[in-house]
Amino acid sequence: MKLRPLADRVIVKQSEAEEKTKSGIVLPDTAKEKPTKGKVIAVGPGKLDEKSGKPMELGVRVGDTVYYGKYSVTDIAIDGHKGVILRESDLLGVFE
């Protein structure tokens, strides 16, 4: 199945949750933080410009690694892979 985001939304494949702390303590499943970092796997065409009616280009591209807010996402599962859909405005930063 293939999913195409609409408007200014992006689909991000979540990175794996941390298994250990920096000091080496193994975390149980209940203590793991929800990932807030991932790789962009699809982008929508962009919001429509009010004046021209044409889509405005997004600031992220497929393949970018991004940070996003914990509670601003919609969780999805496609072909056994976990991911999230969110608006471009909910992205906090892009790794360069």
Protein backbone atom coordinates (compact mmCIF):
# COMPACT_ATOMS: atom_id res chain seq x y z
CA MET A 1 0.00 0.00 0.00
CA LYS A 2 1.23 3.49 -0.77
CA LEU A 3 0.08 6.57 1.14
CA ARG A 4 0.37 10.09 -0.30
CA PRO A 5 0.09 12.99 2.16
CA LEU A 6 -2.16 15.92 1.28
CA ALA A 7 -1.52 19.68 1.44
CA ASP A 8 1.35 20.60 3.82
CA ARG A 9 1.55 17.21 5.54
CA VAL A 10 4.58 14.92 5.66
CA ILE A 11 5.00 11.24 6.52
CA VAL A 12 7.93 10.43 8.80
CA LYS A 13 9.32 6.97 9.57
CA GLN A 14 10.08 7.02 13.27
CA SER A 15 13.54 6.16 14.54
CA GLU A 16 13.76 3.34 17.05
CA ALA A 17 13.18 4.12 20.73
CA GLU A 18 16.29 4.13 22.89
CA GLU A 19 16.96 0.70 24.43
CA LYS A 20 19.52 1.94 26.97
CA THR A 21 20.36 5.16 28.75
CA LYS A 22 23.74 6.81 28.16
CA SER A 23 24.95 5.27 31.42
CA GLY A 24 24.04 1.75 30.19
CA ILE A 25 20.77 1.11 32.06
CA VAL A 26 18.43 -1.08 29.98
CA LEU A 27 14.96 0.46 29.68
CA PRO A 28 11.81 -1.68 29.89
CA ASP A 29 9.12 -1.12 27.25
CA THR A 30 6.98 0.89 29.67
CA ALA A 31 9.80 3.39 30.35
CA LYS A 32 10.78 4.05 26.73
CA GLU A 33 10.09 7.53 25.42
CA LYS A 34 8.05 7.92 22.26
CA PRO A 35 10.49 8.77 19.43
CA THR A 36 10.51 12.40 18.27
CA LYS A 37 13.04 11.94 15.48
CA GLY A 38 12.67 10.30 12.10
CA LYS A 39 13.25 10.28 8.37
CA VAL A 40 10.83 11.95 5.92
CA ILE A 41 9.50 9.32 3.50
CA ALA A 42 6.80 11.37 1.72
CA VAL A 43 5.74 15.01 1.40
CA GLY A 44 2.52 16.58 0.21
CA PRO A 45 2.30 19.17 -2.57
CA GLY A 46 2.01 22.08 -0.09
CA LYS A 47 -0.72 24.47 1.02
CA LEU A 48 -2.49 26.39 -1.69
CA ASP A 49 -1.39 30.01 -2.07
CA GLU A 50 -4.41 32.27 -1.48
CA LYS A 51 -3.49 34.63 -4.34
CA SER A 52 -2.37 32.27 -7.10
CA GLY A 53 -4.15 29.08 -6.03
CA LYS A 54 -0.97 27.07 -6.65
CA PRO A 55 0.66 24.80 -4.03
CA MET A 56 3.54 26.37 -2.06
CA GLU A 57 6.67 24.23 -1.89
CA LEU A 58 7.50 22.62 1.47
CA GLY A 59 10.79 23.28 3.26
CA VAL A 60 11.57 19.58 3.76
CA ARG A 61 12.41 16.87 1.25
CA VAL A 62 12.15 13.09 1.18
CA GLY A 63 15.20 11.72 3.00
CA ASP A 64 15.57 14.61 5.50
CA THR A 65 15.99 13.63 9.16
CA VAL A 66 13.70 15.76 11.34
CA TYR A 67 12.65 16.41 14.93
CA TYR A 68 8.95 16.83 15.71
CA GLY A 69 6.72 17.38 18.74
CA LYS A 70 5.57 14.37 20.78
CA TYR A 71 1.88 15.15 20.75
CA SER A 72 1.43 16.79 17.34
CA VAL A 73 1.39 13.60 15.26
CA THR A 74 -1.01 10.97 13.97
CA ASP A 75 0.44 7.46 14.32
CA ILE A 76 0.17 5.16 11.30
CA ALA A 77 1.36 1.68 10.29
CA ILE A 78 1.91 0.83 6.63
CA ASP A 79 3.16 -2.60 5.58
CA GLY A 80 4.40 -3.27 9.13
CA HIS A 81 6.41 -0.03 9.41
CA LYS A 82 5.55 2.53 12.07
CA GLY A 83 5.35 6.14 11.08
CA VAL A 84 3.59 9.42 11.74
CA ILE A 85 1.74 12.01 9.68
CA LEU A 86 2.14 15.64 10.67
CA ARG A 87 1.94 19.14 9.26
CA GLU A 88 5.10 20.88 8.16
CA SER A 89 4.49 23.51 10.85
CA ASP A 90 4.73 20.78 13.52
CA LEU A 91 8.33 20.00 12.54
CA LEU A 92 10.79 21.47 15.00
CA GLY A 93 14.01 21.14 13.01
CA VAL A 94 15.90 19.41 10.20
CA PHE A 95 19.33 17.78 10.63
CA GLU A 96 21.89 19.11 8.12
